[in-house]
Amino acid sequence: MNIASISGHIGQTDHAVYAATKGAILSLCRALAWELAPYRIRVNSVSPGSVDTPMLRGDIEIESRKRGLPYDRVKAEREAEQALGRWARPAEIADAVVFLAGERASFITGADLLVDSGWVAR
């Protein structure tokens, strides 16, 4: 199981290196899925969108300083951009990982599960 990101699927300002590494994870998972399938090893990834983590909060802090706006205002703007109107909780991403790693996903390999409030579907 690997953690990719929506950044591996879309372009984002100031995230070129991060996007490149996450895109590489997506590619690596697909290749390894085929290489390891004969051994009954499944390889998948999860691509989170906006998750309420220290990393995202740091990004919002930087943006709020650049724009000269209060942190809470910028956070509210970013949450409003989500189809579901909020950021994910880390436990929601963990639930997706547990699903893909478990027996209920026994016929899934080489897949990426977007857990992104519909962001990539825009």
PDB file of N, CA and C in Angstrom:
ATOM      1  N   MET A   1       0.848  -1.170   0.000  1.00  0.00           N
ATOM      2  CA  MET A   1       0.000   0.000   0.000  1.00  0.00           C
ATOM      3  C   MET A   1       0.894   1.234   0.000  1.00  0.00           C
ATOM      4  N   ASN A   2       0.527   2.196  -0.826  1.00  0.00           N
ATOM      5  CA  ASN A   2       1.303   3.421  -0.954  1.00  0.00           C
ATOM      6  C   ASN A   2       0.379   4.622  -0.858  1.00  0.00           C
ATOM      7  N   ILE A   3       0.929   5.724  -0.380  1.00  0.00           N
ATOM      8  CA  ILE A   3       0.159   6.959  -0.312  1.00  0.00           C
ATOM      9  C   ILE A   3       0.653   7.877  -1.417  1.00  0.00           C
ATOM     10  N   ALA A   4      -0.231   8.154  -2.354  1.00  0.00           N
ATOM     11  CA  ALA A   4       0.059   9.105  -3.422  1.00  0.00           C
ATOM     12  C   ALA A   4      -0.633  10.420  -3.025  1.00  0.00           C
ATOM     13  N   SER A   5      -1.247  11.094  -3.964  1.00  0.00           N
ATOM     14  CA  SER A   5      -1.915  12.363  -3.681  1.00  0.00           C
ATOM     15  C   SER A   5      -2.657  12.802  -4.924  1.00  0.00           C
ATOM     16  N   ILE A   6      -3.627  13.678  -4.734  1.00  0.00           N
ATOM     17  CA  ILE A   6      -4.255  14.275  -5.913  1.00  0.00           C
ATOM     18  C   ILE A   6      -3.224  15.049  -6.718  1.00  0.00           C
ATOM     19  N   SER A   7      -2.142  15.470  -6.064  1.00  0.00           N
ATOM     20  CA  SER A   7      -1.081  16.190  -6.771  1.00  0.00           C
ATOM     21  C   SER A   7      -0.427  15.339  -7.846  1.00  0.00           C
ATOM     22  N   GLY A   8      -0.557  14.033  -7.763  1.00  0.00           N
ATOM     23  CA  GLY A   8      -0.057  13.152  -8.814  1.00  0.00           C
ATOM     24  C   GLY A   8      -0.998  13.073  -9.995  1.00  0.00           C
ATOM     25  N   HIS A   9      -2.198  13.633  -9.850  1.00  0.00           N
ATOM     26  CA  HIS A   9      -3.218  13.590 -10.892  1.00  0.00           C
ATOM     27  C   HIS A   9      -3.470  14.954 -11.538  1.00  0.00           C
ATOM     28  N   ILE A  10      -3.205  16.037 -10.816  1.00  0.00           N
ATOM     29  CA  ILE A  10      -3.517  17.386 -11.294  1.00  0.00           C
ATOM     30  C   ILE A  10      -2.310  18.297 -11.092  1.00  0.00           C
ATOM     31  N   GLY A  11      -2.336  19.427 -11.736  1.00  0.00           N
ATOM     32  CA  GLY A  11      -1.295  20.428 -11.532  1.00  0.00           C
ATOM     33  C   GLY A  11      -1.677  21.379 -10.416  1.00  0.00           C
ATOM     34  N   GLN A  12      -0.679  21.812  -9.646  1.00  0.00           N
ATOM     35  CA  GLN A  12      -0.897  22.760  -8.566  1.00  0.00           C
ATOM     36  C   GLN A  12       0.298  23.704  -8.498  1.00  0.00           C
ATOM     37  N   THR A  13       0.022  24.972  -8.305  1.00  0.00           N
ATOM     38  CA  THR A  13       1.075  25.969  -8.162  1.00  0.00           C
ATOM     39  C   THR A  13       1.940  25.646  -6.944  1.00  0.00           C
ATOM     40  N   ASP A  14       3.233  25.835  -7.079  1.00  0.00           N
ATOM     41  CA  ASP A  14       4.202  25.647  -5.994  1.00  0.00           C
ATOM     42  C   ASP A  14       4.311  24.208  -5.497  1.00  0.00           C
ATOM     43  N   HIS A  15       3.903  23.234  -6.302  1.00  0.00           N
ATOM     44  CA  HIS A  15       3.956  21.835  -5.879  1.00  0.00           C
ATOM     45  C   HIS A  15       4.592  20.929  -6.936  1.00  0.00           C
ATOM     46  N   ALA A  16       5.452  21.454  -7.788  1.00  0.00           N
ATOM     47  CA  ALA A  16       5.988  20.673  -8.903  1.00  0.00           C
ATOM     48  C   ALA A  16       6.750  19.430  -8.432  1.00  0.00           C
ATOM     49  N   VAL A  17       7.655  19.581  -7.499  1.00  0.00           N
ATOM     50  CA  VAL A  17       8.449  18.435  -7.039  1.00  0.00           C
ATOM     51  C   VAL A  17       7.558  17.440  -6.306  1.00  0.00           C
ATOM     52  N   TYR A  18       6.671  17.936  -5.463  1.00  0.00           N
ATOM     53  CA  TYR A  18       5.741  17.065  -4.743  1.00  0.00           C
ATOM     54  C   TYR A  18       4.875  16.290  -5.731  1.00  0.00           C
ATOM     55  N   ALA A  19       4.359  16.984  -6.749  1.00  0.00           N
ATOM     56  CA  ALA A  19       3.525  16.328  -7.762  1.00  0.00           C
ATOM     57  C   ALA A  19       4.307  15.263  -8.515  1.00  0.00           C
ATOM     58  N   ALA A  20       5.544  15.557  -8.836  1.00  0.00           N
ATOM     59  CA  ALA A  20       6.369  14.588  -9.564  1.00  0.00           C
ATOM     60  C   ALA A  20       6.582  13.324  -8.740  1.00  0.00           C
ATOM     61  N   THR A  21       6.842  13.475  -7.449  1.00  0.00           N
ATOM     62  CA  THR A  21       7.059  12.295  -6.611  1.00  0.00           C
ATOM     63  C   THR A  21       5.776  11.488  -6.453  1.00  0.00           C
ATOM     64  N   LYS A  22       4.648  12.167  -6.337  1.00  0.00           N
ATOM     65  CA  LYS A  22       3.381  11.451  -6.181  1.00  0.00           C
ATOM     66  C   LYS A  22       2.975  10.775  -7.494  1.00  0.00           C
ATOM     67  N   GLY A  23       3.269  11.402  -8.620  1.00  0.00           N
ATOM     68  CA  GLY A  23       3.031  10.763  -9.918  1.00  0.00           C
ATOM     69  C   GLY A  23       3.895   9.525 -10.086  1.00  0.00           C
ATOM     70  N   ALA A  24       5.120   9.593  -9.585  1.00  0.00           N
ATOM     71  CA  ALA A  24       6.011   8.431  -9.641  1.00  0.00           C
ATOM     72  C   ALA A  24       5.460   7.285  -8.792  1.00  0.00           C
ATOM     73  N   ILE A  25       4.884   7.595  -7.655  1.00  0.00           N
ATOM     74  CA  ILE A  25       4.282   6.555  -6.816  1.00  0.00           C
ATOM     75  C   ILE A  25       3.149   5.861  -7.565  1.00  0.00           C
ATOM     76  N   LEU A  26       2.320   6.636  -8.265  1.00  0.00           N
ATOM     77  CA  LEU A  26       1.216   6.046  -9.031  1.00  0.00           C
ATOM     78  C   LEU A  26       1.752   5.079 -10.092  1.00  0.00           C
ATOM     79  N   SER A  27       2.778   5.495 -10.791  1.00  0.00           N
ATOM     80  CA  SER A  27       3.381   4.654 -11.825  1.00  0.00           C
ATOM     81  C   SER A  27       4.037   3.414 -11.236  1.00  0.00           C
ATOM     82  N   LEU A  28       4.754   3.595 -10.149  1.00  0.00           N
ATOM     83  CA  LEU A  28       5.406   2.477  -9.487  1.00  0.00           C
ATOM     84  C   LEU A  28       4.376   1.434  -9.030  1.00  0.00           C
ATOM     85  N   CYS A  29       3.278   1.885  -8.500  1.00  0.00           N
ATOM     86  CA  CYS A  29       2.224   0.948  -8.046  1.00  0.00           C
ATOM     87  C   CYS A  29       1.685   0.120  -9.204  1.00  0.00           C
ATOM     88  N   ARG A  30       1.445   0.761 -10.330  1.00  0.00           N
ATOM     89  CA  ARG A  30       0.927   0.015 -11.480  1.00  0.00           C
ATOM     90  C   ARG A  30       1.937  -1.030 -11.954  1.00  0.00           C
ATOM     91  N   ALA A  31       3.202  -0.635 -12.025  1.00  0.00           N
ATOM     92  CA  ALA A  31       4.230  -1.582 -12.473  1.00  0.00           C
ATOM     93  C   ALA A  31       4.404  -2.730 -11.479  1.00  0.00           C
ATOM     94  N   LEU A  32       4.471  -2.397 -10.203  1.00  0.00           N
ATOM     95  CA  LEU A  32       4.652  -3.439  -9.191  1.00  0.00           C
ATOM     96  C   LEU A  32       3.447  -4.364  -9.095  1.00  0.00           C
ATOM     97  N   ALA A  33       2.268  -3.851  -9.375  1.00  0.00           N
ATOM     98  CA  ALA A  33       1.072  -4.702  -9.348  1.00  0.00           C
ATOM     99  C   ALA A  33       1.246  -5.876 -10.301  1.00  0.00           C
ATOM    100  N   TRP A  34       1.793  -5.613 -11.479  1.00  0.00           N
ATOM    101  CA  TRP A  34       2.021  -6.686 -12.460  1.00  0.00           C
ATOM    102  C   TRP A  34       3.212  -7.549 -12.082  1.00  0.00           C
ATOM    103  N   GLU A  35       4.264  -6.927 -11.596  1.00  0.00           N
ATOM    104  CA  GLU A  35       5.451  -7.706 -11.235  1.00  0.00           C
ATOM    105  C   GLU A  35       5.194  -8.650 -10.062  1.00  0.00           C
ATOM    106  N   LEU A  36       4.364  -8.232  -9.122  1.00  0.00           N
ATOM    107  CA  LEU A  36       4.160  -9.009  -7.907  1.00  0.00           C
ATOM    108  C   LEU A  36       2.902  -9.868  -7.929  1.00  0.00           C
ATOM    109  N   ALA A  37       2.065  -9.687  -8.924  1.00  0.00           N
ATOM    110  CA  ALA A  37       0.825 -10.479  -9.008  1.00  0.00           C
ATOM    111  C   ALA A  37       1.075 -11.989  -9.017  1.00  0.00           C
ATOM    112  N   PRO A  38       2.111 -12.488  -9.696  1.00  0.00           N
ATOM    113  CA  PRO A  38       2.343 -13.940  -9.660  1.00  0.00           C
ATOM    114  C   PRO A  38       2.577 -14.486  -8.250  1.00  0.00           C
ATOM    115  N   TYR A  39       2.971 -13.609  -7.334  1.00  0.00           N
ATOM    116  CA  TYR A  39       3.207 -14.006  -5.950  1.00  0.00           C
ATOM    117  C   TYR A  39       2.000 -13.711  -5.063  1.00  0.00           C
ATOM    118  N   ARG A  40       0.897 -13.325  -5.698  1.00  0.00           N
ATOM    119  CA  ARG A  40      -0.350 -12.980  -4.993  1.00  0.00           C
ATOM    120  C   ARG A  40      -0.173 -11.787  -4.062  1.00  0.00           C
ATOM    121  N   ILE A  41       0.724 -10.885  -4.444  1.00  0.00           N
ATOM    122  CA  ILE A  41       0.922  -9.642  -3.701  1.00  0.00           C
ATOM    123  C   ILE A  41       0.214  -8.535  -4.459  1.00  0.00           C
ATOM    124  N   ARG A  42      -0.692  -7.875  -3.790  1.00  0.00           N
ATOM    125  CA  ARG A  42      -1.429  -6.767  -4.399  1.00  0.00           C
ATOM    126  C   ARG A  42      -0.742  -5.449  -4.067  1.00  0.00           C
ATOM    127  N   VAL A  43      -0.738  -4.540  -5.025  1.00  0.00           N
ATOM    128  CA  VAL A  43      -0.112  -3.225  -4.826  1.00  0.00           C
ATOM    129  C   VAL A  43      -1.102  -2.158  -5.269  1.00  0.00           C
ATOM    130  N   ASN A  44      -1.463  -1.293  -4.343  1.00  0.00           N
ATOM    131  CA  ASN A  44      -2.413  -0.221  -4.608  1.00  0.00           C
ATOM    132  C   ASN A  44      -1.924   1.056  -3.960  1.00  0.00           C
ATOM    133  N   SER A  45      -2.635   2.129  -4.260  1.00  0.00           N
ATOM    134  CA  SER A  45      -2.327   3.407  -3.621  1.00  0.00           C
ATOM    135  C   SER A  45      -3.621   4.130  -3.273  1.00  0.00           C
ATOM    136  N   VAL A  46      -3.476   5.067  -2.368  1.00  0.00           N
ATOM    137  CA  VAL A  46      -4.562   5.966  -1.989  1.00  0.00           C
ATOM    138  C   VAL A  46      -4.076   7.374  -2.291  1.00  0.00           C
ATOM    139  N   SER A  47      -4.934   8.162  -2.950  1.00  0.00           N
ATOM    140  CA  SER A  47      -4.606   9.555  -3.251  1.00  0.00           C
ATOM    141  C   SER A  47      -5.536  10.477  -2.471  1.00  0.00           C
ATOM    142  N   PRO A  48      -5.057  10.956  -1.331  1.00  0.00           N
ATOM    143  CA  PRO A  48      -5.878  11.898  -0.576  1.00  0.00           C
ATOM    144  C   PRO A  48      -5.922  13.266  -1.245  1.00  0.00           C
ATOM    145  N   GLY A  49      -6.981  13.968  -0.952  1.00  0.00           N
ATOM    146  CA  GLY A  49      -7.091  15.377  -1.321  1.00  0.00           C
ATOM    147  C   GLY A  49      -6.660  16.202  -0.122  1.00  0.00           C
ATOM    148  N   SER A  50      -7.474  17.163   0.237  1.00  0.00           N
ATOM    149  CA  SER A  50      -7.155  18.037   1.370  1.00  0.00           C
ATOM    150  C   SER A  50      -7.496  17.342   2.683  1.00  0.00           C
ATOM    151  N   VAL A  51      -6.458  17.057   3.453  1.00  0.00           N
ATOM    152  CA  VAL A  51      -6.609  16.372   4.738  1.00  0.00           C
ATOM    153  C   VAL A  51      -6.123  17.310   5.836  1.00  0.00           C
ATOM    154  N   ASP A  52      -6.870  17.394   6.899  1.00  0.00           N
ATOM    155  CA  ASP A  52      -6.535  18.282   8.016  1.00  0.00           C
ATOM    156  C   ASP A  52      -5.305  17.748   8.742  1.00  0.00           C
ATOM    157  N   THR A  53      -4.140  18.134   8.221  1.00  0.00           N
ATOM    158  CA  THR A  53      -2.850  17.704   8.766  1.00  0.00           C
ATOM    159  C   THR A  53      -1.969  18.931   9.001  1.00  0.00           C
ATOM    160  N   PRO A  54      -0.893  18.772   9.756  1.00  0.00           N
ATOM    161  CA  PRO A  54       0.039  19.891   9.927  1.00  0.00           C
ATOM    162  C   PRO A  54       0.577  20.420   8.588  1.00  0.00           C
ATOM    163  N   MET A  55       0.785  19.537   7.609  1.00  0.00           N
ATOM    164  CA  MET A  55       1.292  19.991   6.313  1.00  0.00           C
ATOM    165  C   MET A  55       0.304  20.943   5.641  1.00  0.00           C
ATOM    166  N   LEU A  56      -0.958  20.560   5.597  1.00  0.00           N
ATOM    167  CA  LEU A  56      -1.958  21.425   4.960  1.00  0.00           C
ATOM    168  C   LEU A  56      -2.145  22.714   5.751  1.00  0.00           C
ATOM    169  N   ARG A  57      -2.160  22.613   7.059  1.00  0.00           N
ATOM    170  CA  ARG A  57      -2.296  23.824   7.876  1.00  0.00           C
ATOM    171  C   ARG A  57      -1.114  24.772   7.633  1.00  0.00           C
ATOM    172  N   GLY A  58       0.068  24.209   7.435  1.00  0.00           N
ATOM    173  CA  GLY A  58       1.231  25.036   7.110  1.00  0.00           C
ATOM    174  C   GLY A  58       1.075  25.732   5.770  1.00  0.00           C
ATOM    175  N   ASP A  59       0.550  25.007   4.785  1.00  0.00           N
ATOM    176  CA  ASP A  59       0.288  25.622   3.473  1.00  0.00           C
ATOM    177  C   ASP A  59      -0.704  26.773   3.597  1.00  0.00           C
ATOM    178  N   ILE A  60      -1.728  26.591   4.415  1.00  0.00           N
ATOM    179  CA  ILE A  60      -2.736  27.640   4.601  1.00  0.00           C
ATOM    180  C   ILE A  60      -2.126  28.831   5.324  1.00  0.00           C
ATOM    181  N   GLU A  61      -1.252  28.569   6.279  1.00  0.00           N
ATOM    182  CA  GLU A  61      -0.565  29.648   6.995  1.00  0.00           C
ATOM    183  C   GLU A  61       0.280  30.482   6.028  1.00  0.00           C
ATOM    184  N   ILE A  62       1.017  29.813   5.146  1.00  0.00           N
ATOM    185  CA  ILE A  62       1.832  30.524   4.153  1.00  0.00           C
ATOM    186  C   ILE A  62       0.935  31.354   3.235  1.00  0.00           C
ATOM    187  N   GLU A  63      -0.145  30.756   2.756  1.00  0.00           N
ATOM    188  CA  GLU A  63      -1.055  31.488   1.877  1.00  0.00           C
ATOM    189  C   GLU A  63      -1.680  32.688   2.585  1.00  0.00           C
ATOM    190  N   SER A  64      -2.049  32.512   3.840  1.00  0.00           N
ATOM    191  CA  SER A  64      -2.669  33.632   4.565  1.00  0.00           C
ATOM    192  C   SER A  64      -1.688  34.788   4.727  1.00  0.00           C
ATOM    193  N   ARG A  65      -0.411  34.461   4.981  1.00  0.00           N
ATOM    194  CA  ARG A  65       0.599  35.520   5.079  1.00  0.00           C
ATOM    195  C   ARG A  65       0.808  36.211   3.735  1.00  0.00           C
ATOM    196  N   LYS A  66       0.913  35.429   2.656  1.00  0.00           N
ATOM    197  CA  LYS A  66       1.118  36.009   1.325  1.00  0.00           C
ATOM    198  C   LYS A  66      -0.026  36.932   0.934  1.00  0.00           C
ATOM    199  N   ARG A  67      -1.232  36.535   1.283  1.00  0.00           N
ATOM    200  CA  ARG A  67      -2.415  37.304   0.898  1.00  0.00           C
ATOM    201  C   ARG A  67      -2.788  38.374   1.917  1.00  0.00           C
ATOM    202  N   GLY A  68      -2.151  38.354   3.080  1.00  0.00           N
ATOM    203  CA  GLY A  68      -2.467  39.326   4.124  1.00  0.00           C
ATOM    204  C   GLY A  68      -3.862  39.134   4.696  1.00  0.00           C
ATOM    205  N   LEU A  69      -4.291  37.879   4.770  1.00  0.00           N
ATOM    206  CA  LEU A  69      -5.622  37.560   5.270  1.00  0.00           C
ATOM    207  C   LEU A  69      -5.514  36.681   6.504  1.00  0.00           C
ATOM    208  N   PRO A  70      -6.531  36.714   7.356  1.00  0.00           N
ATOM    209  CA  PRO A  70      -6.506  35.837   8.531  1.00  0.00           C
ATOM    210  C   PRO A  70      -6.515  34.361   8.119  1.00  0.00           C
ATOM    211  N   TYR A  71      -5.810  33.555   8.894  1.00  0.00           N
ATOM    212  CA  TYR A  71      -5.727  32.118   8.653  1.00  0.00           C
ATOM    213  C   TYR A  71      -7.116  31.509   8.514  1.00  0.00           C
ATOM    214  N   ASP A  72      -8.014  31.822   9.444  1.00  0.00           N
ATOM    215  CA  ASP A  72      -9.349  31.214   9.436  1.00  0.00           C
ATOM    216  C   ASP A  72     -10.132  31.541   8.168  1.00  0.00           C
ATOM    217  N   ARG A  73      -9.913  32.721   7.616  1.00  0.00           N
ATOM    218  CA  ARG A  73     -10.608  33.074   6.372  1.00  0.00           C
ATOM    219  C   ARG A  73     -10.105  32.231   5.207  1.00  0.00           C
ATOM    220  N   VAL A  74      -8.788  32.102   5.092  1.00  0.00           N
ATOM    221  CA  VAL A  74      -8.217  31.309   4.009  1.00  0.00           C
ATOM    222  C   VAL A  74      -8.610  29.840   4.168  1.00  0.00           C
ATOM    223  N   LYS A  75      -8.582  29.337   5.392  1.00  0.00           N
ATOM    224  CA  LYS A  75      -8.995  27.954   5.649  1.00  0.00           C
ATOM    225  C   LYS A  75     -10.440  27.749   5.213  1.00  0.00           C
ATOM    226  N   ALA A  76     -11.315  28.673   5.566  1.00  0.00           N
ATOM    227  CA  ALA A  76     -12.729  28.562   5.185  1.00  0.00           C
ATOM    228  C   ALA A  76     -12.896  28.593   3.666  1.00  0.00           C
ATOM    229  N   GLU A  77     -12.115  29.435   2.982  1.00  0.00           N
ATOM    230  CA  GLU A  77     -12.166  29.475   1.520  1.00  0.00           C
ATOM    231  C   GLU A  77     -11.768  28.126   0.926  1.00  0.00           C
ATOM    232  N   ARG A  78     -10.672  27.546   1.431  1.00  0.00           N
ATOM    233  CA  ARG A  78     -10.192  26.275   0.898  1.00  0.00           C
ATOM    234  C   ARG A  78     -11.171  25.135   1.193  1.00  0.00           C
ATOM    235  N   GLU A  79     -11.781  25.156   2.357  1.00  0.00           N
ATOM    236  CA  GLU A  79     -12.775  24.124   2.671  1.00  0.00           C
ATOM    237  C   GLU A  79     -14.003  24.268   1.777  1.00  0.00           C
ATOM    238  N   ALA A  80     -14.391  25.491   1.477  1.00  0.00           N
ATOM    239  CA  ALA A  80     -15.565  25.729   0.628  1.00  0.00           C
ATOM    240  C   ALA A  80     -15.342  25.243  -0.802  1.00  0.00           C
ATOM    241  N   GLU A  81     -14.084  25.113  -1.223  1.00  0.00           N
ATOM    242  CA  GLU A  81     -13.775  24.604  -2.564  1.00  0.00           C
ATOM    243  C   GLU A  81     -14.032  23.099  -2.688  1.00  0.00           C
ATOM    244  N   GLN A  82     -14.142  22.422  -1.589  1.00  0.00           N
ATOM    245  CA  GLN A  82     -14.342  20.978  -1.592  1.00  0.00           C
ATOM    246  C   GLN A  82     -15.799  20.656  -1.915  1.00  0.00           C
ATOM    247  N   ALA A  83     -16.038  19.627  -2.683  1.00  0.00           N
ATOM    248  CA  ALA A  83     -17.410  19.238  -3.018  1.00  0.00           C
ATOM    249  C   ALA A  83     -18.217  18.962  -1.750  1.00  0.00           C
ATOM    250  N   LEU A  84     -17.570  18.400  -0.740  1.00  0.00           N
ATOM    251  CA  LEU A  84     -18.266  18.084   0.514  1.00  0.00           C
ATOM    252  C   LEU A  84     -18.138  19.196   1.551  1.00  0.00           C
ATOM    253  N   GLY A  85     -17.494  20.300   1.174  1.00  0.00           N
ATOM    254  CA  GLY A  85     -17.446  21.487   2.019  1.00  0.00           C
ATOM    255  C   GLY A  85     -16.531  21.413   3.230  1.00  0.00           C
ATOM    256  N   ARG A  86     -15.620  20.462   3.242  1.00  0.00           N
ATOM    257  CA  ARG A  86     -14.711  20.323   4.384  1.00  0.00           C
ATOM    258  C   ARG A  86     -13.483  19.536   3.965  1.00  0.00           C
ATOM    259  N   TRP A  87     -12.459  19.586   4.818  1.00  0.00           N
ATOM    260  CA  TRP A  87     -11.282  18.764   4.635  1.00  0.00           C
ATOM    261  C   TRP A  87     -11.545  17.380   5.220  1.00  0.00           C
ATOM    262  N   ALA A  88     -10.796  16.409   4.746  1.00  0.00           N
ATOM    263  CA  ALA A  88     -10.893  15.056   5.296  1.00  0.00           C
ATOM    264  C   ALA A  88     -10.217  15.001   6.660  1.00  0.00           C
ATOM    265  N   ARG A  89     -10.698  14.101   7.480  1.00  0.00           N
ATOM    266  CA  ARG A  89     -10.017  13.775   8.726  1.00  0.00           C
ATOM    267  C   ARG A  89      -8.994  12.682   8.411  1.00  0.00           C
ATOM    268  N   PRO A  90      -7.837  12.683   9.052  1.00  0.00           N
ATOM    269  CA  PRO A  90      -6.844  11.631   8.788  1.00  0.00           C
ATOM    270  C   PRO A  90      -7.428  10.224   8.898  1.00  0.00           C
ATOM    271  N   ALA A  91      -8.343  10.006   9.807  1.00  0.00           N
ATOM    272  CA  ALA A  91      -8.952   8.677   9.974  1.00  0.00           C
ATOM    273  C   ALA A  91      -9.702   8.238   8.722  1.00  0.00           C
ATOM    274  N   GLU A  92     -10.224   9.179   7.944  1.00  0.00           N
ATOM    275  CA  GLU A  92     -10.932   8.819   6.713  1.00  0.00           C
ATOM    276  C   GLU A  92      -9.968   8.259   5.672  1.00  0.00           C
ATOM    277  N   ILE A  93      -8.759   8.769   5.648  1.00  0.00           N
ATOM    278  CA  ILE A  93      -7.746   8.243   4.739  1.00  0.00           C
ATOM    279  C   ILE A  93      -7.302   6.866   5.234  1.00  0.00           C
ATOM    280  N   ALA A  94      -7.126   6.745   6.535  1.00  0.00           N
ATOM    281  CA  ALA A  94      -6.743   5.449   7.115  1.00  0.00           C
ATOM    282  C   ALA A  94      -7.788   4.382   6.800  1.00  0.00           C
ATOM    283  N   ASP A  95      -9.057   4.742   6.842  1.00  0.00           N
ATOM    284  CA  ASP A  95     -10.116   3.778   6.522  1.00  0.00           C
ATOM    285  C   ASP A  95      -9.976   3.254   5.092  1.00  0.00           C
ATOM    286  N   ALA A  96      -9.618   4.142   4.166  1.00  0.00           N
ATOM    287  CA  ALA A  96      -9.425   3.724   2.771  1.00  0.00           C
ATOM    288  C   ALA A  96      -8.237   2.775   2.649  1.00  0.00           C
ATOM    289  N   VAL A  97      -7.180   3.059   3.366  1.00  0.00           N
ATOM    290  CA  VAL A  97      -5.991   2.198   3.351  1.00  0.00           C
ATOM    291  C   VAL A  97      -6.338   0.819   3.911  1.00  0.00           C
ATOM    292  N   VAL A  98      -7.044   0.795   5.019  1.00  0.00           N
ATOM    293  CA  VAL A  98      -7.430  -0.480   5.633  1.00  0.00           C
ATOM    294  C   VAL A  98      -8.298  -1.290   4.674  1.00  0.00           C
ATOM    295  N   PHE A  99      -9.232  -0.625   3.995  1.00  0.00           N
ATOM    296  CA  PHE A  99     -10.066  -1.330   3.024  1.00  0.00           C
ATOM    297  C   PHE A  99      -9.214  -1.978   1.936  1.00  0.00           C
ATOM    298  N   LEU A 100      -8.340  -1.191   1.296  1.00  0.00           N
ATOM    299  CA  LEU A 100      -7.535  -1.726   0.199  1.00  0.00           C
ATOM    300  C   LEU A 100      -6.568  -2.817   0.652  1.00  0.00           C
ATOM    301  N   ALA A 101      -6.133  -2.765   1.877  1.00  0.00           N
ATOM    302  CA  ALA A 101      -5.210  -3.779   2.388  1.00  0.00           C
ATOM    303  C   ALA A 101      -5.926  -5.049   2.843  1.00  0.00           C
ATOM    304  N   GLY A 102      -7.237  -4.979   2.978  1.00  0.00           N
ATOM    305  CA  GLY A 102      -7.987  -6.093   3.531  1.00  0.00           C
ATOM    306  C   GLY A 102      -8.527  -7.067   2.500  1.00  0.00           C
ATOM    307  N   GLU A 103      -9.120  -8.131   3.007  1.00  0.00           N
ATOM    308  CA  GLU A 103      -9.673  -9.193   2.164  1.00  0.00           C
ATOM    309  C   GLU A 103     -10.848  -8.731   1.300  1.00  0.00           C
ATOM    310  N   ARG A 104     -11.563  -7.718   1.723  1.00  0.00           N
ATOM    311  CA  ARG A 104     -12.696  -7.240   0.921  1.00  0.00           C
ATOM    312  C   ARG A 104     -12.233  -6.603  -0.387  1.00  0.00           C
ATOM    313  N   ALA A 105     -10.938  -6.311  -0.493  1.00  0.00           N
ATOM    314  CA  ALA A 105     -10.361  -5.754  -1.721  1.00  0.00           C
ATOM    315  C   ALA A 105      -9.433  -6.768  -2.383  1.00  0.00           C
ATOM    316  N   SER A 106      -9.724  -8.054  -2.195  1.00  0.00           N
ATOM    317  CA  SER A 106      -8.804  -9.103  -2.642  1.00  0.00           C
ATOM    318  C   SER A 106      -8.635  -9.192  -4.158  1.00  0.00           C
ATOM    319  N   PHE A 107      -9.502  -8.554  -4.923  1.00  0.00           N
ATOM    320  CA  PHE A 107      -9.378  -8.587  -6.382  1.00  0.00           C
ATOM    321  C   PHE A 107      -8.978  -7.216  -6.934  1.00  0.00           C
ATOM    322  N   ILE A 108      -8.433  -6.377  -6.075  1.00  0.00           N
ATOM    323  CA  ILE A 108      -8.004  -5.033  -6.489  1.00  0.00           C
ATOM    324  C   ILE A 108      -6.486  -4.963  -6.411  1.00  0.00           C
ATOM    325  N   THR A 109      -5.865  -4.683  -7.552  1.00  0.00           N
ATOM    326  CA  THR A 109      -4.425  -4.438  -7.597  1.00  0.00           C
ATOM    327  C   THR A 109      -4.133  -3.474  -8.737  1.00  0.00           C
ATOM    328  N   GLY A 110      -3.105  -2.672  -8.555  1.00  0.00           N
ATOM    329  CA  GLY A 110      -2.741  -1.680  -9.565  1.00  0.00           C
ATOM    330  C   GLY A 110      -3.680  -0.491  -9.587  1.00  0.00           C
ATOM    331  N   ALA A 111      -4.455  -0.335  -8.531  1.00  0.00           N
ATOM    332  CA  ALA A 111      -5.468   0.723  -8.493  1.00  0.00           C
ATOM    333  C   ALA A 111      -5.032   1.860  -7.578  1.00  0.00           C
ATOM    334  N   ASP A 112      -5.610   3.014  -7.842  1.00  0.00           N
ATOM    335  CA  ASP A 112      -5.443   4.175  -6.979  1.00  0.00           C
ATOM    336  C   ASP A 112      -6.829   4.602  -6.540  1.00  0.00           C
ATOM    337  N   LEU A 113      -7.026   4.701  -5.245  1.00  0.00           N
ATOM    338  CA  LEU A 113      -8.308   5.134  -4.701  1.00  0.00           C
ATOM    339  C   LEU A 113      -8.222   6.614  -4.349  1.00  0.00           C
ATOM    340  N   LEU A 114      -9.001   7.426  -5.060  1.00  0.00           N
ATOM    341  CA  LEU A 114      -9.061   8.856  -4.776  1.00  0.00           C
ATOM    342  C   LEU A 114      -9.970   9.075  -3.574  1.00  0.00           C
ATOM    343  N   VAL A 115      -9.427   9.709  -2.551  1.00  0.00           N
ATOM    344  CA  VAL A 115     -10.199  10.057  -1.352  1.00  0.00           C
ATOM    345  C   VAL A 115     -10.058  11.581  -1.247  1.00  0.00           C
ATOM    346  N   ASP A 116     -10.827  12.271  -2.094  1.00  0.00           N
ATOM    347  CA  ASP A 116     -10.525  13.679  -2.362  1.00  0.00           C
ATOM    348  C   ASP A 116     -11.739  14.595  -2.431  1.00  0.00           C
ATOM    349  N   SER A 117     -12.872  14.178  -1.910  1.00  0.00           N
ATOM    350  CA  SER A 117     -14.086  15.008  -1.958  1.00  0.00           C
ATOM    351  C   SER A 117     -14.425  15.422  -3.386  1.00  0.00           C
ATOM    352  N   GLY A 118     -14.095  14.573  -4.328  1.00  0.00           N
ATOM    353  CA  GLY A 118     -14.430  14.847  -5.720  1.00  0.00           C
ATOM    354  C   GLY A 118     -13.529  15.825  -6.448  1.00  0.00           C
ATOM    355  N   TRP A 119     -12.402  16.182  -5.838  1.00  0.00           N
ATOM    356  CA  TRP A 119     -11.538  17.228  -6.408  1.00  0.00           C
ATOM    357  C   TRP A 119     -11.077  16.911  -7.836  1.00  0.00           C
ATOM    358  N   VAL A 120     -10.600  15.702  -8.074  1.00  0.00           N
ATOM    359  CA  VAL A 120     -10.087  15.340  -9.399  1.00  0.00           C
ATOM    360  C   VAL A 120     -11.227  15.216 -10.411  1.00  0.00           C
ATOM    361  N   ALA A 121     -12.436  15.003  -9.951  1.00  0.00           N
ATOM    362  CA  ALA A 121     -13.594  14.888 -10.834  1.00  0.00           C
ATOM    363  C   ALA A 121     -14.060  16.233 -11.383  1.00  0.00           C
ATOM    364  N   ARG A 122     -13.496  17.331 -10.906  1.00  0.00           N
ATOM    365  CA  ARG A 122     -13.930  18.665 -11.344  1.00  0.00           C
ATOM    366  C   ARG A 122     -13.791  18.821 -12.825  1.00  0.00           C
TER     367      ARG A 122
END
